Amino acid sequence: MLTCKEFLQELNEYLDETIDAGLRKQLETHITECPNCWVIFDTSKKTIQVYKGMEPQSVPKDVEERLMLALQKKMAAKCGKVKT
């Protein structure tokens, strides 16, 4: 039987339906036996359904620029190359 950690590691592929049949069966067995993982699975599935039903929203240009700058700084800091 899969552990909860293993279930969580495979959840995205399960929801995307890109997982092989054998592992799919193991995941389905796990969520029928583990109420905590069932809640995570069910919440994730419902969240995806909500987002699929939404229209795409544009981001204001200034917000996009600030976000990109923040991400670049974060990545540079992570790589040890802090930009100022």
PDB file of N, CA and C in Angstrom:
ATOM      1  N   MET A   1       0.840  -1.188   0.000  1.00  0.00           N
ATOM      2  CA  MET A   1       0.000   0.000   0.000  1.00  0.00           C
ATOM      3  C   MET A   1       0.882   1.247   0.000  1.00  0.00           C
ATOM      4  N   LEU A   2       0.429   2.269  -0.693  1.00  0.00           N
ATOM      5  CA  LEU A   2       1.148   3.539  -0.756  1.00  0.00           C
ATOM      6  C   LEU A   2       1.072   4.277   0.576  1.00  0.00           C
ATOM      7  N   THR A   3       2.106   5.018   0.874  1.00  0.00           N
ATOM      8  CA  THR A   3       2.061   5.911   2.034  1.00  0.00           C
ATOM      9  C   THR A   3       1.403   7.223   1.598  1.00  0.00           C
ATOM     10  N   CYS A   4       1.044   8.024   2.568  1.00  0.00           N
ATOM     11  CA  CYS A   4       0.456   9.334   2.250  1.00  0.00           C
ATOM     12  C   CYS A   4       1.459  10.194   1.482  1.00  0.00           C
ATOM     13  N   LYS A   5       2.718  10.125   1.863  1.00  0.00           N
ATOM     14  CA  LYS A   5       3.752  10.897   1.175  1.00  0.00           C
ATOM     15  C   LYS A   5       3.841  10.474  -0.290  1.00  0.00           C
ATOM     16  N   GLU A   6       3.819   9.178  -0.549  1.00  0.00           N
ATOM     17  CA  GLU A   6       3.872   8.683  -1.931  1.00  0.00           C
ATOM     18  C   GLU A   6       2.631   9.118  -2.705  1.00  0.00           C
ATOM     19  N   PHE A   7       1.485   9.073  -2.038  1.00  0.00           N
ATOM     20  CA  PHE A   7       0.251   9.517  -2.680  1.00  0.00           C
ATOM     21  C   PHE A   7       0.368  10.974  -3.114  1.00  0.00           C
ATOM     22  N   LEU A   8       0.841  11.821  -2.214  1.00  0.00           N
ATOM     23  CA  LEU A   8       0.963  13.250  -2.514  1.00  0.00           C
ATOM     24  C   LEU A   8       1.958  13.513  -3.638  1.00  0.00           C
ATOM     25  N   GLN A   9       3.012  12.703  -3.708  1.00  0.00           N
ATOM     26  CA  GLN A   9       4.003  12.868  -4.771  1.00  0.00           C
ATOM     27  C   GLN A   9       3.414  12.550  -6.145  1.00  0.00           C
ATOM     28  N   GLU A  10       2.415  11.696  -6.198  1.00  0.00           N
ATOM     29  CA  GLU A  10       1.830  11.268  -7.469  1.00  0.00           C
ATOM     30  C   GLU A  10       0.495  11.947  -7.787  1.00  0.00           C
ATOM     31  N   LEU A  11      -0.008  12.762  -6.864  1.00  0.00           N
ATOM     32  CA  LEU A  11      -1.347  13.336  -7.014  1.00  0.00           C
ATOM     33  C   LEU A  11      -1.513  14.154  -8.288  1.00  0.00           C
ATOM     34  N   ASN A  12      -0.551  14.999  -8.622  1.00  0.00           N
ATOM     35  CA  ASN A  12      -0.691  15.823  -9.831  1.00  0.00           C
ATOM     36  C   ASN A  12      -0.828  14.977 -11.086  1.00  0.00           C
ATOM     37  N   GLU A  13       0.003  13.949 -11.201  1.00  0.00           N
ATOM     38  CA  GLU A  13      -0.073  13.083 -12.377  1.00  0.00           C
ATOM     39  C   GLU A  13      -1.408  12.343 -12.422  1.00  0.00           C
ATOM     40  N   TYR A  14      -1.904  11.973 -11.242  1.00  0.00           N
ATOM     41  CA  TYR A  14      -3.209  11.308 -11.175  1.00  0.00           C
ATOM     42  C   TYR A  14      -4.306  12.250 -11.666  1.00  0.00           C
ATOM     43  N   LEU A  15      -4.292  13.470 -11.172  1.00  0.00           N
ATOM     44  CA  LEU A  15      -5.314  14.441 -11.569  1.00  0.00           C
ATOM     45  C   LEU A  15      -5.197  14.815 -13.043  1.00  0.00           C
ATOM     46  N   ASP A  16      -3.966  14.816 -13.563  1.00  0.00           N
ATOM     47  CA  ASP A  16      -3.742  15.115 -14.982  1.00  0.00           C
ATOM     48  C   ASP A  16      -4.010  13.909 -15.876  1.00  0.00           C
ATOM     49  N   GLU A  17      -4.265  12.769 -15.256  1.00  0.00           N
ATOM     50  CA  GLU A  17      -4.512  11.502 -15.966  1.00  0.00           C
ATOM     51  C   GLU A  17      -3.319  11.101 -16.833  1.00  0.00           C
ATOM     52  N   THR A  18      -2.118  11.296 -16.304  1.00  0.00           N
ATOM     53  CA  THR A  18      -0.900  10.929 -17.025  1.00  0.00           C
ATOM     54  C   THR A  18      -0.140   9.818 -16.310  1.00  0.00           C
ATOM     55  N   ILE A  19      -0.820   9.082 -15.478  1.00  0.00           N
ATOM     56  CA  ILE A  19      -0.181   8.057 -14.660  1.00  0.00           C
ATOM     57  C   ILE A  19      -0.557   6.674 -15.194  1.00  0.00           C
ATOM     58  N   ASP A  20       0.330   5.707 -15.038  1.00  0.00           N
ATOM     59  CA  ASP A  20       0.031   4.375 -15.567  1.00  0.00           C
ATOM     60  C   ASP A  20      -1.073   3.699 -14.753  1.00  0.00           C
ATOM     61  N   ALA A  21      -1.714   2.728 -15.365  1.00  0.00           N
ATOM     62  CA  ALA A  21      -2.904   2.093 -14.786  1.00  0.00           C
ATOM     63  C   ALA A  21      -2.626   1.434 -13.437  1.00  0.00           C
ATOM     64  N   GLY A  22      -1.472   0.805 -13.292  1.00  0.00           N
ATOM     65  CA  GLY A  22      -1.151   0.129 -12.033  1.00  0.00           C
ATOM     66  C   GLY A  22      -1.036   1.095 -10.871  1.00  0.00           C
ATOM     67  N   LEU A  23      -0.333   2.180 -11.095  1.00  0.00           N
ATOM     68  CA  LEU A  23      -0.179   3.185 -10.043  1.00  0.00           C
ATOM     69  C   LEU A  23      -1.500   3.902  -9.789  1.00  0.00           C
ATOM     70  N   ARG A  24      -2.281   4.113 -10.836  1.00  0.00           N
ATOM     71  CA  ARG A  24      -3.611   4.723 -10.690  1.00  0.00           C
ATOM     72  C   ARG A  24      -4.455   3.892  -9.725  1.00  0.00           C
ATOM     73  N   LYS A  25      -4.430   2.581  -9.890  1.00  0.00           N
ATOM     74  CA  LYS A  25      -5.209   1.685  -9.033  1.00  0.00           C
ATOM     75  C   LYS A  25      -4.735   1.791  -7.583  1.00  0.00           C
ATOM     76  N   GLN A  26      -3.415   1.860  -7.388  1.00  0.00           N
ATOM     77  CA  GLN A  26      -2.881   1.991  -6.029  1.00  0.00           C
ATOM     78  C   GLN A  26      -3.327   3.301  -5.379  1.00  0.00           C
ATOM     79  N   LEU A  27      -3.313   4.373  -6.154  1.00  0.00           N
ATOM     80  CA  LEU A  27      -3.751   5.670  -5.631  1.00  0.00           C
ATOM     81  C   LEU A  27      -5.230   5.637  -5.275  1.00  0.00           C
ATOM     82  N   GLU A  28      -6.030   5.029  -6.131  1.00  0.00           N
ATOM     83  CA  GLU A  28      -7.466   4.944  -5.867  1.00  0.00           C
ATOM     84  C   GLU A  28      -7.744   4.100  -4.630  1.00  0.00           C
ATOM     85  N   THR A  29      -6.989   3.037  -4.455  1.00  0.00           N
ATOM     86  CA  THR A  29      -7.134   2.218  -3.252  1.00  0.00           C
ATOM     87  C   THR A  29      -6.764   3.037  -2.022  1.00  0.00           C
ATOM     88  N   HIS A  30      -5.681   3.780  -2.118  1.00  0.00           N
ATOM     89  CA  HIS A  30      -5.230   4.585  -0.981  1.00  0.00           C
ATOM     90  C   HIS A  30      -6.292   5.605  -0.562  1.00  0.00           C
ATOM     91  N   ILE A  31      -6.884   6.312  -1.517  1.00  0.00           N
ATOM     92  CA  ILE A  31      -7.853   7.346  -1.114  1.00  0.00           C
ATOM     93  C   ILE A  31      -9.156   6.755  -0.584  1.00  0.00           C
ATOM     94  N   THR A  32      -9.427   5.498  -0.893  1.00  0.00           N
ATOM     95  CA  THR A  32     -10.619   4.879  -0.294  1.00  0.00           C
ATOM     96  C   THR A  32     -10.352   4.447   1.141  1.00  0.00           C
ATOM     97  N   GLU A  33      -9.073   4.297   1.483  1.00  0.00           N
ATOM     98  CA  GLU A  33      -8.709   3.830   2.822  1.00  0.00           C
ATOM     99  C   GLU A  33      -8.156   4.934   3.727  1.00  0.00           C
ATOM    100  N   CYS A  34      -7.828   6.088   3.163  1.00  0.00           N
ATOM    101  CA  CYS A  34      -7.206   7.170   3.943  1.00  0.00           C
ATOM    102  C   CYS A  34      -8.063   8.435   3.843  1.00  0.00           C
ATOM    103  N   PRO A  35      -8.805   8.749   4.888  1.00  0.00           N
ATOM    104  CA  PRO A  35      -9.684   9.926   4.836  1.00  0.00           C
ATOM    105  C   PRO A  35      -8.928  11.242   4.642  1.00  0.00           C
ATOM    106  N   ASN A  36      -7.727  11.358   5.177  1.00  0.00           N
ATOM    107  CA  ASN A  36      -6.962  12.601   5.010  1.00  0.00           C
ATOM    108  C   ASN A  36      -6.581  12.818   3.551  1.00  0.00           C
ATOM    109  N   CYS A  37      -6.102  11.776   2.900  1.00  0.00           N
ATOM    110  CA  CYS A  37      -5.725  11.906   1.492  1.00  0.00           C
ATOM    111  C   CYS A  37      -6.960  12.082   0.614  1.00  0.00           C
ATOM    112  N   TRP A  38      -8.084  11.500   1.016  1.00  0.00           N
ATOM    113  CA  TRP A  38      -9.318  11.704   0.264  1.00  0.00           C
ATOM    114  C   TRP A  38      -9.692  13.187   0.257  1.00  0.00           C
ATOM    115  N   VAL A  39      -9.581  13.836   1.401  1.00  0.00           N
ATOM    116  CA  VAL A  39      -9.912  15.263   1.493  1.00  0.00           C
ATOM    117  C   VAL A  39      -8.985  16.080   0.592  1.00  0.00           C
ATOM    118  N   ILE A  40      -7.700  15.778   0.612  1.00  0.00           N
ATOM    119  CA  ILE A  40      -6.745  16.491  -0.243  1.00  0.00           C
ATOM    120  C   ILE A  40      -7.080  16.267  -1.710  1.00  0.00           C
ATOM    121  N   PHE A  41      -7.343  15.021  -2.080  1.00  0.00           N
ATOM    122  CA  PHE A  41      -7.703  14.690  -3.456  1.00  0.00           C
ATOM    123  C   PHE A  41      -8.976  15.418  -3.876  1.00  0.00           C
ATOM    124  N   ASP A  42     -10.014  15.324  -3.064  1.00  0.00           N
ATOM    125  CA  ASP A  42     -11.308  15.907  -3.406  1.00  0.00           C
ATOM    126  C   ASP A  42     -11.217  17.432  -3.518  1.00  0.00           C
ATOM    127  N   THR A  43     -10.517  18.055  -2.594  1.00  0.00           N
ATOM    128  CA  THR A  43     -10.342  19.506  -2.628  1.00  0.00           C
ATOM    129  C   THR A  43      -9.557  19.929  -3.867  1.00  0.00           C
ATOM    130  N   SER A  44      -8.501  19.203  -4.175  1.00  0.00           N
ATOM    131  CA  SER A  44      -7.693  19.516  -5.363  1.00  0.00           C
ATOM    132  C   SER A  44      -8.516  19.377  -6.632  1.00  0.00           C
ATOM    133  N   LYS A  45      -9.271  18.304  -6.723  1.00  0.00           N
ATOM    134  CA  LYS A  45     -10.105  18.057  -7.907  1.00  0.00           C
ATOM    135  C   LYS A  45     -11.145  19.165  -8.080  1.00  0.00           C
ATOM    136  N   LYS A  46     -11.799  19.544  -6.996  1.00  0.00           N
ATOM    137  CA  LYS A  46     -12.815  20.598  -7.066  1.00  0.00           C
ATOM    138  C   LYS A  46     -12.198  21.950  -7.411  1.00  0.00           C
ATOM    139  N   THR A  47     -11.020  22.225  -6.878  1.00  0.00           N
ATOM    140  CA  THR A  47     -10.326  23.477  -7.186  1.00  0.00           C
ATOM    141  C   THR A  47     -10.000  23.558  -8.669  1.00  0.00           C
ATOM    142  N   ILE A  48      -9.519  22.466  -9.230  1.00  0.00           N
ATOM    143  CA  ILE A  48      -9.209  22.421 -10.662  1.00  0.00           C
ATOM    144  C   ILE A  48     -10.471  22.664 -11.480  1.00  0.00           C
ATOM    145  N   GLN A  49     -11.581  22.061 -11.091  1.00  0.00           N
ATOM    146  CA  GLN A  49     -12.841  22.246 -11.815  1.00  0.00           C
ATOM    147  C   GLN A  49     -13.282  23.703 -11.784  1.00  0.00           C
ATOM    148  N   VAL A  50     -13.122  24.355 -10.643  1.00  0.00           N
ATOM    149  CA  VAL A  50     -13.496  25.770 -10.527  1.00  0.00           C
ATOM    150  C   VAL A  50     -12.641  26.612 -11.463  1.00  0.00           C
ATOM    151  N   TYR A  51     -11.336  26.395 -11.444  1.00  0.00           N
ATOM    152  CA  TYR A  51     -10.438  27.186 -12.289  1.00  0.00           C
ATOM    153  C   TYR A  51     -10.661  26.931 -13.770  1.00  0.00           C
ATOM    154  N   LYS A  52     -10.995  25.714 -14.139  1.00  0.00           N
ATOM    155  CA  LYS A  52     -11.252  25.421 -15.553  1.00  0.00           C
ATOM    156  C   LYS A  52     -12.481  26.166 -16.054  1.00  0.00           C
ATOM    157  N   GLY A  53     -13.411  26.464 -15.163  1.00  0.00           N
ATOM    158  CA  GLY A  53     -14.625  27.163 -15.541  1.00  0.00           C
ATOM    159  C   GLY A  53     -14.487  28.676 -15.579  1.00  0.00           C
ATOM    160  N   MET A  54     -13.339  29.186 -15.195  1.00  0.00           N
ATOM    161  CA  MET A  54     -13.138  30.639 -15.143  1.00  0.00           C
ATOM    162  C   MET A  54     -12.530  31.158 -16.438  1.00  0.00           C
ATOM    163  N   GLU A  55     -12.859  32.390 -16.741  1.00  0.00           N
ATOM    164  CA  GLU A  55     -12.260  33.064 -17.892  1.00  0.00           C
ATOM    165  C   GLU A  55     -10.872  33.566 -17.495  1.00  0.00           C
ATOM    166  N   PRO A  56      -9.925  33.504 -18.403  1.00  0.00           N
ATOM    167  CA  PRO A  56      -8.591  34.041 -18.088  1.00  0.00           C
ATOM    168  C   PRO A  56      -8.665  35.539 -17.779  1.00  0.00           C
ATOM    169  N   GLN A  57      -7.866  35.968 -16.836  1.00  0.00           N
ATOM    170  CA  GLN A  57      -7.810  37.374 -16.451  1.00  0.00           C
ATOM    171  C   GLN A  57      -6.433  37.928 -16.800  1.00  0.00           C
ATOM    172  N   SER A  58      -6.413  39.142 -17.296  1.00  0.00           N
ATOM    173  CA  SER A  58      -5.125  39.760 -17.595  1.00  0.00           C
ATOM    174  C   SER A  58      -4.581  40.430 -16.338  1.00  0.00           C
ATOM    175  N   VAL A  59      -3.282  40.503 -16.277  1.00  0.00           N
ATOM    176  CA  VAL A  59      -2.599  41.130 -15.151  1.00  0.00           C
ATOM    177  C   VAL A  59      -2.132  42.509 -15.609  1.00  0.00           C
ATOM    178  N   PRO A  60      -2.376  43.546 -14.814  1.00  0.00           N
ATOM    179  CA  PRO A  60      -1.888  44.872 -15.198  1.00  0.00           C
ATOM    180  C   PRO A  60      -0.371  44.843 -15.433  1.00  0.00           C
ATOM    181  N   LYS A  61       0.084  45.619 -16.398  1.00  0.00           N
ATOM    182  CA  LYS A  61       1.494  45.619 -16.802  1.00  0.00           C
ATOM    183  C   LYS A  61       2.423  45.906 -15.629  1.00  0.00           C
ATOM    184  N   ASP A  62       2.074  46.869 -14.770  1.00  0.00           N
ATOM    185  CA  ASP A  62       2.956  47.194 -13.642  1.00  0.00           C
ATOM    186  C   ASP A  62       3.061  46.033 -12.658  1.00  0.00           C
ATOM    187  N   VAL A  63       1.977  45.304 -12.473  1.00  0.00           N
ATOM    188  CA  VAL A  63       1.995  44.138 -11.586  1.00  0.00           C
ATOM    189  C   VAL A  63       2.869  43.044 -12.195  1.00  0.00           C
ATOM    190  N   GLU A  64       2.719  42.835 -13.492  1.00  0.00           N
ATOM    191  CA  GLU A  64       3.536  41.832 -14.184  1.00  0.00           C
ATOM    192  C   GLU A  64       5.025  42.164 -14.059  1.00  0.00           C
ATOM    193  N   GLU A  65       5.374  43.433 -14.249  1.00  0.00           N
ATOM    194  CA  GLU A  65       6.774  43.848 -14.160  1.00  0.00           C
ATOM    195  C   GLU A  65       7.331  43.658 -12.750  1.00  0.00           C
ATOM    196  N   ARG A  66       6.546  44.024 -11.739  1.00  0.00           N
ATOM    197  CA  ARG A  66       6.995  43.846 -10.352  1.00  0.00           C
ATOM    198  C   ARG A  66       7.151  42.371 -10.012  1.00  0.00           C
ATOM    199  N   LEU A  67       6.223  41.557 -10.487  1.00  0.00           N
ATOM    200  CA  LEU A  67       6.289  40.122 -10.238  1.00  0.00           C
ATOM    201  C   LEU A  67       7.531  39.514 -10.885  1.00  0.00           C
ATOM    202  N   MET A  68       7.778  39.866 -12.136  1.00  0.00           N
ATOM    203  CA  MET A  68       8.945  39.332 -12.835  1.00  0.00           C
ATOM    204  C   MET A  68      10.238  39.769 -12.150  1.00  0.00           C
ATOM    205  N   LEU A  69      10.305  41.020 -11.713  1.00  0.00           N
ATOM    206  CA  LEU A  69      11.488  41.517 -11.012  1.00  0.00           C
ATOM    207  C   LEU A  69      11.701  40.756  -9.703  1.00  0.00           C
ATOM    208  N   ALA A  70      10.620  40.556  -8.961  1.00  0.00           N
ATOM    209  CA  ALA A  70      10.718  39.824  -7.698  1.00  0.00           C
ATOM    210  C   ALA A  70      11.176  38.387  -7.935  1.00  0.00           C
ATOM    211  N   LEU A  71      10.647  37.744  -8.974  1.00  0.00           N
ATOM    212  CA  LEU A  71      11.052  36.373  -9.290  1.00  0.00           C
ATOM    213  C   LEU A  71      12.518  36.312  -9.708  1.00  0.00           C
ATOM    214  N   GLN A  72      12.951  37.278 -10.496  1.00  0.00           N
ATOM    215  CA  GLN A  72      14.355  37.318 -10.916  1.00  0.00           C
ATOM    216  C   GLN A  72      15.279  37.493  -9.714  1.00  0.00           C
ATOM    217  N   LYS A  73      14.908  38.369  -8.793  1.00  0.00           N
ATOM    218  CA  LYS A  73      15.711  38.576  -7.590  1.00  0.00           C
ATOM    219  C   LYS A  73      15.756  37.310  -6.740  1.00  0.00           C
ATOM    220  N   LYS A  74      14.621  36.660  -6.620  1.00  0.00           N
ATOM    221  CA  LYS A  74      14.543  35.432  -5.823  1.00  0.00           C
ATOM    222  C   LYS A  74      15.435  34.348  -6.420  1.00  0.00           C
ATOM    223  N   MET A  75      15.362  34.184  -7.733  1.00  0.00           N
ATOM    224  CA  MET A  75      16.185  33.172  -8.399  1.00  0.00           C
ATOM    225  C   MET A  75      17.668  33.526  -8.300  1.00  0.00           C
ATOM    226  N   ALA A  76      18.002  34.795  -8.461  1.00  0.00           N
ATOM    227  CA  ALA A  76      19.397  35.217  -8.361  1.00  0.00           C
ATOM    228  C   ALA A  76      19.932  34.966  -6.954  1.00  0.00           C
ATOM    229  N   ALA A  77      19.125  35.274  -5.943  1.00  0.00           N
ATOM    230  CA  ALA A  77      19.536  35.048  -4.560  1.00  0.00           C
ATOM    231  C   ALA A  77      19.717  33.559  -4.292  1.00  0.00           C
ATOM    232  N   LYS A  78      18.844  32.759  -4.850  1.00  0.00           N
ATOM    233  CA  LYS A  78      18.922  31.312  -4.662  1.00  0.00           C
ATOM    234  C   LYS A  78      20.190  30.756  -5.296  1.00  0.00           C
ATOM    235  N   CYS A  79      20.605  31.345  -6.392  1.00  0.00           N
ATOM    236  CA  CYS A  79      21.810  30.899  -7.095  1.00  0.00           C
ATOM    237  C   CYS A  79      23.065  31.571  -6.548  1.00  0.00           C
ATOM    238  N   GLY A  80      22.898  32.460  -5.561  1.00  0.00           N
ATOM    239  CA  GLY A  80      24.039  33.135  -4.974  1.00  0.00           C
ATOM    240  C   GLY A  80      24.502  34.352  -5.744  1.00  0.00           C
ATOM    241  N   LYS A  81      23.661  34.834  -6.636  1.00  0.00           N
ATOM    242  CA  LYS A  81      24.004  36.006  -7.453  1.00  0.00           C
ATOM    243  C   LYS A  81      22.972  37.095  -7.208  1.00  0.00           C
ATOM    244  N   VAL A  82      23.073  37.758  -6.095  1.00  0.00           N
ATOM    245  CA  VAL A  82      22.090  38.767  -5.717  1.00  0.00           C
ATOM    246  C   VAL A  82      22.252  39.996  -6.592  1.00  0.00           C
ATOM    247  N   LYS A  83      21.155  40.394  -7.264  1.00  0.00           N
ATOM    248  CA  LYS A  83      21.141  41.615  -8.070  1.00  0.00           C
ATOM    249  C   LYS A  83      20.602  42.754  -7.226  1.00  0.00           C
ATOM    250  N   THR A  84      21.117  43.938  -7.458  1.00  0.00           N
ATOM    251  CA  THR A  84      20.600  45.104  -6.733  1.00  0.00           C
ATOM    252  C   THR A  84      19.953  46.062  -7.685  1.00  0.00           C
TER     253      THR A  84
END
